[in-house]
C-alpha atoms as a PDB file:
ATOM      1  CA  UNK A   1      87.807 104.037  99.729  1.00  0.00           C
ATOM      2  CA  UNK A   2      88.296 103.006 103.371  1.00  0.00           C
ATOM      3  CA  UNK A   3      90.808 100.340 102.325  1.00  0.00           C
ATOM      4  CA  UNK A   4      92.801 102.968 100.424  1.00  0.00           C
ATOM      5  CA  UNK A   5      92.884 105.208 103.496  1.00  0.00           C
ATOM      6  CA  UNK A   6      94.150 102.311 105.610  1.00  0.00           C
ATOM      7  CA  UNK A   7      96.833 101.567 103.025  1.00  0.00           C
ATOM      8  CA  UNK A   8      97.833 105.227 102.891  1.00  0.00           C
ATOM      9  CA  UNK A   9      98.303 105.444 106.650  1.00  0.00           C
ATOM     10  CA  UNK A  10     100.029 102.060 106.536  1.00  0.00           C
ATOM     11  CA  UNK A  11     102.576 103.462 104.088  1.00  0.00           C
ATOM     12  CA  UNK A  12     103.381 106.309 106.468  1.00  0.00           C
ATOM     13  CA  UNK A  13     103.859 103.843 109.314  1.00  0.00           C
ATOM     14  CA  UNK A  14     105.991 101.648 107.010  1.00  0.00           C
ATOM     15  CA  UNK A  15     108.425 104.502 106.387  1.00  0.00           C
ATOM     16  CA  UNK A  16     109.015 105.224 110.084  1.00  0.00           C
ATOM     17  CA  UNK A  17     108.722 101.647 111.382  1.00  0.00           C
ATOM     18  CA  UNK A  18     112.442 101.481 112.185  1.00  0.00           C
ATOM     19  CA  UNK A  19     112.041 104.106 114.919  1.00  0.00           C
ATOM     20  CA  UNK A  20     109.461 102.216 116.994  1.00  0.00           C
ATOM     21  CA  UNK A  21     112.028 100.077 118.783  1.00  0.00           C
ATOM     22  CA  UNK A  22     113.856 103.149 120.085  1.00  0.00           C
ATOM     23  CA  UNK A  23     110.616 104.531 121.512  1.00  0.00           C
ATOM     24  CA  UNK A  24     109.958 101.214 123.275  1.00  0.00           C
ATOM     25  CA  UNK A  25     113.486 101.080 124.689  1.00  0.00           C
ATOM     26  CA  UNK A  26     113.401 104.734 125.760  1.00  0.00           C
ATOM     27  CA  UNK A  27     110.096 104.331 127.609  1.00  0.00           C
ATOM     28  CA  UNK A  28     111.337 101.047 129.075  1.00  0.00           C
ATOM     29  CA  UNK A  29     114.401 102.792 130.513  1.00  0.00           C
ATOM     30  CA  UNK A  30     112.141 105.374 132.161  1.00  0.00           C
ATOM     31  CA  UNK A  31     109.882 102.680 133.646  1.00  0.00           C
ATOM     32  CA  UNK A  32     112.831 100.628 134.915  1.00  0.00           C
ATOM     33  CA  UNK A  33     114.342 103.730 136.533  1.00  0.00           C
ATOM     34  CA  UNK A  34     111.105 104.790 138.256  1.00  0.00           C
ATOM     35  CA  UNK A  35     110.117 101.320 139.486  1.00  0.00           C
ATOM     36  CA  UNK A  36     113.565  99.873 140.122  1.00  0.00           C
ATOM     37  CA  UNK A  37     112.015  96.416 139.742  1.00  0.00           C
ATOM     38  CA  UNK A  38     112.941  93.404 137.641  1.00  0.00           C
ATOM     39  CA  UNK A  39     109.323  92.295 137.345  1.00  0.00           C
ATOM     40  CA  UNK A  40     105.759  93.078 138.468  1.00  0.00           C
ATOM     41  CA  UNK A  41     105.648  90.568 141.338  1.00  0.00           C
ATOM     42  CA  UNK A  42     106.415  90.811 145.038  1.00  0.00           C
ATOM     43  CA  UNK A  43     108.949  87.984 145.264  1.00  0.00           C
ATOM     44  CA  UNK A  44     112.478  87.924 143.858  1.00  0.00           C
ATOM     45  CA  UNK A  45     111.970  84.413 142.467  1.00  0.00           C
ATOM     46  CA  UNK A  46     108.815  85.354 140.541  1.00  0.00           C
ATOM     47  CA  UNK A  47     110.476  88.442 139.105  1.00  0.00           C
ATOM     48  CA  UNK A  48     113.463  86.388 137.923  1.00  0.00           C
ATOM     49  CA  UNK A  49     111.027  84.051 136.152  1.00  0.00           C
ATOM     50  CA  UNK A  50     109.367  87.114 134.576  1.00  0.00           C
ATOM     51  CA  UNK A  51     112.750  88.323 133.355  1.00  0.00           C
ATOM     52  CA  UNK A  52     113.567  84.899 131.895  1.00  0.00           C
ATOM     53  CA  UNK A  53     110.234  84.660 130.073  1.00  0.00           C
ATOM     54  CA  UNK A  54     110.593  88.211 128.750  1.00  0.00           C
ATOM     55  CA  UNK A  55     114.120  87.573 127.510  1.00  0.00           C
ATOM     56  CA  UNK A  56     113.016  84.307 125.881  1.00  0.00           C
ATOM     57  CA  UNK A  57     110.177  86.025 123.988  1.00  0.00           C
ATOM     58  CA  UNK A  58     112.431  88.842 122.759  1.00  0.00           C
ATOM     59  CA  UNK A  59     115.257  86.447 121.805  1.00  0.00           C
ATOM     60  CA  UNK A  60     112.935  83.963 120.084  1.00  0.00           C
ATOM     61  CA  UNK A  61     111.516  86.836 118.049  1.00  0.00           C
ATOM     62  CA  UNK A  62     115.002  87.944 116.989  1.00  0.00           C
ATOM     63  CA  UNK A  63     115.814  84.341 115.993  1.00  0.00           C
ATOM     64  CA  UNK A  64     112.556  84.105 114.037  1.00  0.00           C
ATOM     65  CA  UNK A  65     113.463  87.196 112.043  1.00  0.00           C
ATOM     66  CA  UNK A  66     116.924  85.788 111.300  1.00  0.00           C
ATOM     67  CA  UNK A  67     115.345  82.557 110.020  1.00  0.00           C
ATOM     68  CA  UNK A  68     112.792  84.403 107.901  1.00  0.00           C
ATOM     69  CA  UNK A  69     115.415  86.764 106.489  1.00  0.00           C
ATOM     70  CA  UNK A  70     117.675  83.853 105.584  1.00  0.00           C
ATOM     71  CA  UNK A  71     115.004  82.057 103.551  1.00  0.00           C
ATOM     72  CA  UNK A  72     113.325  85.078 101.928  1.00  0.00           C
ATOM     73  CA  UNK A  73     113.829  85.756  98.228  1.00  0.00           C
ATOM     74  CA  UNK A  74     116.265  88.441  97.116  1.00  0.00           C
ATOM     75  CA  UNK A  75     114.700  91.771  96.263  1.00  0.00           C
ATOM     76  CA  UNK A  76     111.890  91.637  98.813  1.00  0.00           C
ATOM     77  CA  UNK A  77     111.057  94.398 101.287  1.00  0.00           C
ATOM     78  CA  UNK A  78     113.123  93.329 104.301  1.00  0.00           C
ATOM     79  CA  UNK A  79     114.767  96.564 105.411  1.00  0.00           C
ATOM     80  CA  UNK A  80     113.360  98.758 102.633  1.00  0.00           C
ATOM     81  CA  UNK A  81     112.871 102.299 103.919  1.00  0.00           C
ATOM     82  CA  UNK A  82     110.604 104.205 101.538  1.00  0.00           C
ATOM     83  CA  UNK A  83     108.268 101.684  99.927  1.00  0.00           C
ATOM     84  CA  UNK A  84     107.521  97.997  99.620  1.00  0.00           C
ATOM     85  CA  UNK A  85     109.517  96.055  97.038  1.00  0.00           C
ATOM     86  CA  UNK A  86     109.109  92.500  95.779  1.00  0.00           C
ATOM     87  CA  UNK A  87     110.923  90.830  92.917  1.00  0.00           C
ATOM     88  CA  UNK A  88     108.796  87.757  93.601  1.00  0.00           C
ATOM     89  CA  UNK A  89     106.116  86.583  96.018  1.00  0.00           C
ATOM     90  CA  UNK A  90     107.409  84.808  99.129  1.00  0.00           C
ATOM     91  CA  UNK A  91     105.057  81.873  99.756  1.00  0.00           C
ATOM     92  CA  UNK A  92     107.325  79.074 101.012  1.00  0.00           C
ATOM     93  CA  UNK A  93     109.091  78.357 104.298  1.00  0.00           C
ATOM     94  CA  UNK A  94     107.833  80.676 107.083  1.00  0.00           C
ATOM     95  CA  UNK A  95     105.638  82.447 104.540  1.00  0.00           C
ATOM     96  CA  UNK A  96     103.625  79.242 104.099  1.00  0.00           C
ATOM     97  CA  UNK A  97     102.435  79.523 107.722  1.00  0.00           C
ATOM     98  CA  UNK A  98     101.836  83.276 107.957  1.00  0.00           C
ATOM     99  CA  UNK A  99     101.941  86.017 105.337  1.00  0.00           C
ATOM    100  CA  UNK A 100     103.920  88.455 107.476  1.00  0.00           C
ATOM    101  CA  UNK A 101     106.400  86.413 109.550  1.00  0.00           C
ATOM    102  CA  UNK A 102     108.802  89.362 109.908  1.00  0.00           C
ATOM    103  CA  UNK A 103     106.040  91.417 111.481  1.00  0.00           C
ATOM    104  CA  UNK A 104     105.056  88.567 113.791  1.00  0.00           C
ATOM    105  CA  UNK A 105     108.685  88.530 114.907  1.00  0.00           C
ATOM    106  CA  UNK A 106     108.711  92.289 115.374  1.00  0.00           C
ATOM    107  CA  UNK A 107     105.530  92.273 117.481  1.00  0.00           C
ATOM    108  CA  UNK A 108     106.999  89.524 119.686  1.00  0.00           C
ATOM    109  CA  UNK A 109     110.327  91.373 119.902  1.00  0.00           C
ATOM    110  CA  UNK A 110     108.703  94.648 120.945  1.00  0.00           C
ATOM    111  CA  UNK A 111     106.552  92.869 123.511  1.00  0.00           C
ATOM    112  CA  UNK A 112     109.452  90.932 125.037  1.00  0.00           C
ATOM    113  CA  UNK A 113     111.611  94.050 125.286  1.00  0.00           C
ATOM    114  CA  UNK A 114     108.748  96.005 126.876  1.00  0.00           C
ATOM    115  CA  UNK A 115     108.271  93.201 129.418  1.00  0.00           C
ATOM    116  CA  UNK A 116     111.986  93.392 130.278  1.00  0.00           C
ATOM    117  CA  UNK A 117     111.262  96.829 131.751  1.00  0.00           C
ATOM    118  CA  UNK A 118     109.545  94.972 134.592  1.00  0.00           C
ATOM    119  CA  UNK A 119     106.041  96.265 133.813  1.00  0.00           C
ATOM    120  CA  UNK A 120     103.257  93.940 132.633  1.00  0.00           C
ATOM    121  CA  UNK A 121     101.129  96.992 131.783  1.00  0.00           C
ATOM    122  CA  UNK A 122     103.805  98.353 129.453  1.00  0.00           C
ATOM    123  CA  UNK A 123     104.241  94.905 127.907  1.00  0.00           C
ATOM    124  CA  UNK A 124     100.505  94.575 127.246  1.00  0.00           C
ATOM    125  CA  UNK A 125     100.214  98.099 125.807  1.00  0.00           C
ATOM    126  CA  UNK A 126     103.204  97.599 123.501  1.00  0.00           C
ATOM    127  CA  UNK A 127     101.736  94.301 122.278  1.00  0.00           C
ATOM    128  CA  UNK A 128      98.363  95.864 121.442  1.00  0.00           C
ATOM    129  CA  UNK A 129      99.852  98.957 119.815  1.00  0.00           C
ATOM    130  CA  UNK A 130     102.313  96.846 117.816  1.00  0.00           C
ATOM    131  CA  UNK A 131      99.509  94.660 116.483  1.00  0.00           C
ATOM    132  CA  UNK A 132      97.589  97.758 115.373  1.00  0.00           C
ATOM    133  CA  UNK A 133     100.658  99.326 113.745  1.00  0.00           C
ATOM    134  CA  UNK A 134     101.750  96.232 111.857  1.00  0.00           C
ATOM    135  CA  UNK A 135      98.238  95.302 110.852  1.00  0.00           C
ATOM    136  CA  UNK A 136      97.998  98.718 109.174  1.00  0.00           C
ATOM    137  CA  UNK A 137     101.435  98.306 107.556  1.00  0.00           C
ATOM    138  CA  UNK A 138     100.499  94.849 106.301  1.00  0.00           C
ATOM    139  CA  UNK A 139      97.405  96.309 104.612  1.00  0.00           C
ATOM    140  CA  UNK A 140      99.654  98.715 102.698  1.00  0.00           C
ATOM    141  CA  UNK A 141     101.978  95.891 101.650  1.00  0.00           C
ATOM    142  CA  UNK A 142      99.056  93.625 100.738  1.00  0.00           C
ATOM    143  CA  UNK A 143      97.719  96.258  98.334  1.00  0.00           C
ATOM    144  CA  UNK A 144     101.159  96.503  96.746  1.00  0.00           C
ATOM    145  CA  UNK A 145     101.404  92.714  96.358  1.00  0.00           C
ATOM    146  CA  UNK A 146      97.862  92.422  94.988  1.00  0.00           C
ATOM    147  CA  UNK A 147      98.640  94.961  92.273  1.00  0.00           C
ATOM    148  CA  UNK A 148     101.882  93.213  91.350  1.00  0.00           C
ATOM    149  CA  UNK A 149     101.012  89.519  91.653  1.00  0.00           C
ATOM    150  CA  UNK A 150      97.230  89.430  91.288  1.00  0.00           C
ATOM    151  CA  UNK A 151      95.841  85.886  91.239  1.00  0.00           C
ATOM    152  CA  UNK A 152      98.972  84.340  92.758  1.00  0.00           C
ATOM    153  CA  UNK A 153      98.628  86.581  95.792  1.00  0.00           C
ATOM    154  CA  UNK A 154      94.885  85.959  96.038  1.00  0.00           C
ATOM    155  CA  UNK A 155      95.425  82.180  96.130  1.00  0.00           C
ATOM    156  CA  UNK A 156      98.154  82.469  98.771  1.00  0.00           C
ATOM    157  CA  UNK A 157      96.182  84.933 100.917  1.00  0.00           C
ATOM    158  CA  UNK A 158      93.106  82.713 100.818  1.00  0.00           C
ATOM    159  CA  UNK A 159      95.063  79.885 102.457  1.00  0.00           C
ATOM    160  CA  UNK A 160      97.592  81.636 104.714  1.00  0.00           C
ATOM    161  CA  UNK A 161      96.648  84.007 107.588  1.00  0.00           C
ATOM    162  CA  UNK A 162      98.119  87.517 107.803  1.00  0.00           C
ATOM    163  CA  UNK A 163      99.516  87.721 111.350  1.00  0.00           C
ATOM    164  CA  UNK A 164      98.308  84.700 113.345  1.00  0.00           C
ATOM    165  CA  UNK A 165     100.396  81.717 112.131  1.00  0.00           C
ATOM    166  CA  UNK A 166      98.609  78.503 111.228  1.00  0.00           C
ATOM    167  CA  UNK A 167      99.890  75.167 112.534  1.00  0.00           C
ATOM    168  CA  UNK A 168      99.756  73.255 109.255  1.00  0.00           C
ATOM    169  CA  UNK A 169     100.567  73.660 105.579  1.00  0.00           C
ATOM    170  CA  UNK A 170     104.364  74.004 105.826  1.00  0.00           C
ATOM    171  CA  UNK A 171     105.966  74.271 102.381  1.00  0.00           C
ATOM    172  CA  UNK A 172     109.688  73.591 101.975  1.00  0.00           C
ATOM    173  CA  UNK A 173     111.613  76.849 101.399  1.00  0.00           C
ATOM    174  CA  UNK A 174     112.276  77.639  97.759  1.00  0.00           C
ATOM    175  CA  UNK A 175     115.812  78.856  98.468  1.00  0.00           C
ATOM    176  CA  UNK A 176     118.612  77.570 100.728  1.00  0.00           C
ATOM    177  CA  UNK A 177     119.316  79.448 103.927  1.00  0.00           C
ATOM    178  CA  UNK A 178     121.726  82.366 103.428  1.00  0.00           C
ATOM    179  CA  UNK A 179     123.494  83.028 106.722  1.00  0.00           C
ATOM    180  CA  UNK A 180     125.364  86.140 105.676  1.00  0.00           C
ATOM    181  CA  UNK A 181     122.267  87.745 104.264  1.00  0.00           C
ATOM    182  CA  UNK A 182     120.206  86.854 107.342  1.00  0.00           C
ATOM    183  CA  UNK A 183     122.783  88.321 109.710  1.00  0.00           C
ATOM    184  CA  UNK A 184     123.245  91.385 107.521  1.00  0.00           C
ATOM    185  CA  UNK A 185     119.535  92.095 107.622  1.00  0.00           C
ATOM    186  CA  UNK A 186     118.930  91.360 111.295  1.00  0.00           C
ATOM    187  CA  UNK A 187     122.111  92.022 113.274  1.00  0.00           C
ATOM    188  CA  UNK A 188     120.688  95.350 114.457  1.00  0.00           C
ATOM    189  CA  UNK A 189     117.834  93.548 116.228  1.00  0.00           C
ATOM    190  CA  UNK A 190     120.302  91.540 118.312  1.00  0.00           C
ATOM    191  CA  UNK A 191     122.174  94.719 119.213  1.00  0.00           C
ATOM    192  CA  UNK A 192     118.935  96.473 120.146  1.00  0.00           C
ATOM    193  CA  UNK A 193     117.924  93.615 122.438  1.00  0.00           C
ATOM    194  CA  UNK A 194     121.320  93.602 124.159  1.00  0.00           C
ATOM    195  CA  UNK A 195     121.106  97.387 124.536  1.00  0.00           C
ATOM    196  CA  UNK A 196     117.663  97.136 126.124  1.00  0.00           C
ATOM    197  CA  UNK A 197     118.836  94.552 128.678  1.00  0.00           C
ATOM    198  CA  UNK A 198     121.858  96.621 129.716  1.00  0.00           C
ATOM    199  CA  UNK A 199     120.083  99.988 129.704  1.00  0.00           C
ATOM    200  CA  UNK A 200     117.161  98.656 131.754  1.00  0.00           C
ATOM    201  CA  UNK A 201     119.590  97.173 134.279  1.00  0.00           C
ATOM    202  CA  UNK A 202     121.557 100.425 134.438  1.00  0.00           C
ATOM    203  CA  UNK A 203     118.351 102.445 134.947  1.00  0.00           C
ATOM    204  CA  UNK A 204     117.119 100.033 137.627  1.00  0.00           C
ATOM    205  CA  UNK A 205     120.314 100.687 139.575  1.00  0.00           C
ATOM    206  CA  UNK A 206     119.714 104.418 139.474  1.00  0.00           C
ATOM    207  CA  UNK A 207     122.269 104.793 136.675  1.00  0.00           C
ATOM    208  CA  UNK A 208     125.051 103.517 138.925  1.00  0.00           C
ATOM    209  CA  UNK A 209     127.409 100.826 137.597  1.00  0.00           C
ATOM    210  CA  UNK A 210     127.316  97.452 139.412  1.00  0.00           C
ATOM    211  CA  UNK A 211     130.318  96.015 141.225  1.00  0.00           C
ATOM    212  CA  UNK A 212     130.486  93.128 138.753  1.00  0.00           C
ATOM    213  CA  UNK A 213     130.905  94.572 135.256  1.00  0.00           C
ATOM    214  CA  UNK A 214     131.119  91.228 133.426  1.00  0.00           C
ATOM    215  CA  UNK A 215     127.918  91.667 131.418  1.00  0.00           C
ATOM    216  CA  UNK A 216     128.744  95.292 130.712  1.00  0.00           C
ATOM    217  CA  UNK A 217     132.060  94.178 129.209  1.00  0.00           C
ATOM    218  CA  UNK A 218     130.169  91.592 127.135  1.00  0.00           C
ATOM    219  CA  UNK A 219     127.897  94.367 125.927  1.00  0.00           C
ATOM    220  CA  UNK A 220     130.957  96.446 125.077  1.00  0.00           C
ATOM    221  CA  UNK A 221     132.105  93.603 122.849  1.00  0.00           C
ATOM    222  CA  UNK A 222     128.686  93.535 121.175  1.00  0.00           C
ATOM    223  CA  UNK A 223     128.968  97.278 120.538  1.00  0.00           C
ATOM    224  CA  UNK A 224     132.335  96.721 118.839  1.00  0.00           C
ATOM    225  CA  UNK A 225     130.847  93.972 116.659  1.00  0.00           C
ATOM    226  CA  UNK A 226     127.914  96.259 115.819  1.00  0.00           C
ATOM    227  CA  UNK A 227     130.292  98.980 114.652  1.00  0.00           C
ATOM    228  CA  UNK A 228     132.291  96.501 112.555  1.00  0.00           C
ATOM    229  CA  UNK A 229     129.141  95.029 111.003  1.00  0.00           C
ATOM    230  CA  UNK A 230     127.808  98.497 110.243  1.00  0.00           C
ATOM    231  CA  UNK A 231     131.046  99.504 108.576  1.00  0.00           C
ATOM    232  CA  UNK A 232     131.135  96.283 106.564  1.00  0.00           C
ATOM    233  CA  UNK A 233     127.601  96.904 105.354  1.00  0.00           C
ATOM    234  CA  UNK A 234     128.303 100.529 104.547  1.00  0.00           C
ATOM    235  CA  UNK A 235     131.462  99.945 102.541  1.00  0.00           C
ATOM    236  CA  UNK A 236     130.819  96.493 101.108  1.00  0.00           C
ATOM    237  CA  UNK A 237     133.437  94.268 102.709  1.00  0.00           C
ATOM    238  CA  UNK A 238     132.317  90.760 103.559  1.00  0.00           C
ATOM    239  CA  UNK A 239     128.738  91.567 102.540  1.00  0.00           C
ATOM    240  CA  UNK A 240     129.560  92.765  99.059  1.00  0.00           C
ATOM    241  CA  UNK A 241     127.051  91.525  96.543  1.00  0.00           C
ATOM    242  CA  UNK A 242     124.627  90.229  99.169  1.00  0.00           C
ATOM    243  CA  UNK A 243     121.056  91.612  99.149  1.00  0.00           C
END
């Protein structure tokens, strides 16, 4: 009974999971504006190191999701909105090290973006809350996969951890890497990260533009690419026929 309740709440969290990033970015903007700091330390050098580490974590997470999305089988959840879907069970490539590599990437991404606000407290809270949210979502998806794949899922789950990747047991991916599909599924994450960096910087400056607008122009270019990619996905275009 308790497992069913966890799965039920996990389904609700699954449906709205796409909104979490905007909450993290919004709160991060507020924190950056109030503190006006790049990091939680007293020295400029230490805060620049904090920023670099934060950006690395968030970027590595985005790259991880691109890799996972490129190797995953067609017809699996990915960006599904209403309910889990799975035409087959992903057990190779990244899925041979952890059962929910996309969620590992999302937890890392949220944490890195929260750290970019300059607050270690916000970073720690976002990490803990993200683990709780995605653990609950993974329970919902696990129930779905158990019902659909039975013994195959049980064997895989007995060997591969849910959210903490193991360091052995790599299995060669079943499918080749599909670049277009990976980018189609994950380009929003790159845009969200770029938005967080620029918005946090803008807030830190008291919402006053800097003298050097180079990175703001770069971000403008990213916005244009985001619009083009969104239109291509909406109307087919270069992504026609790709899952």
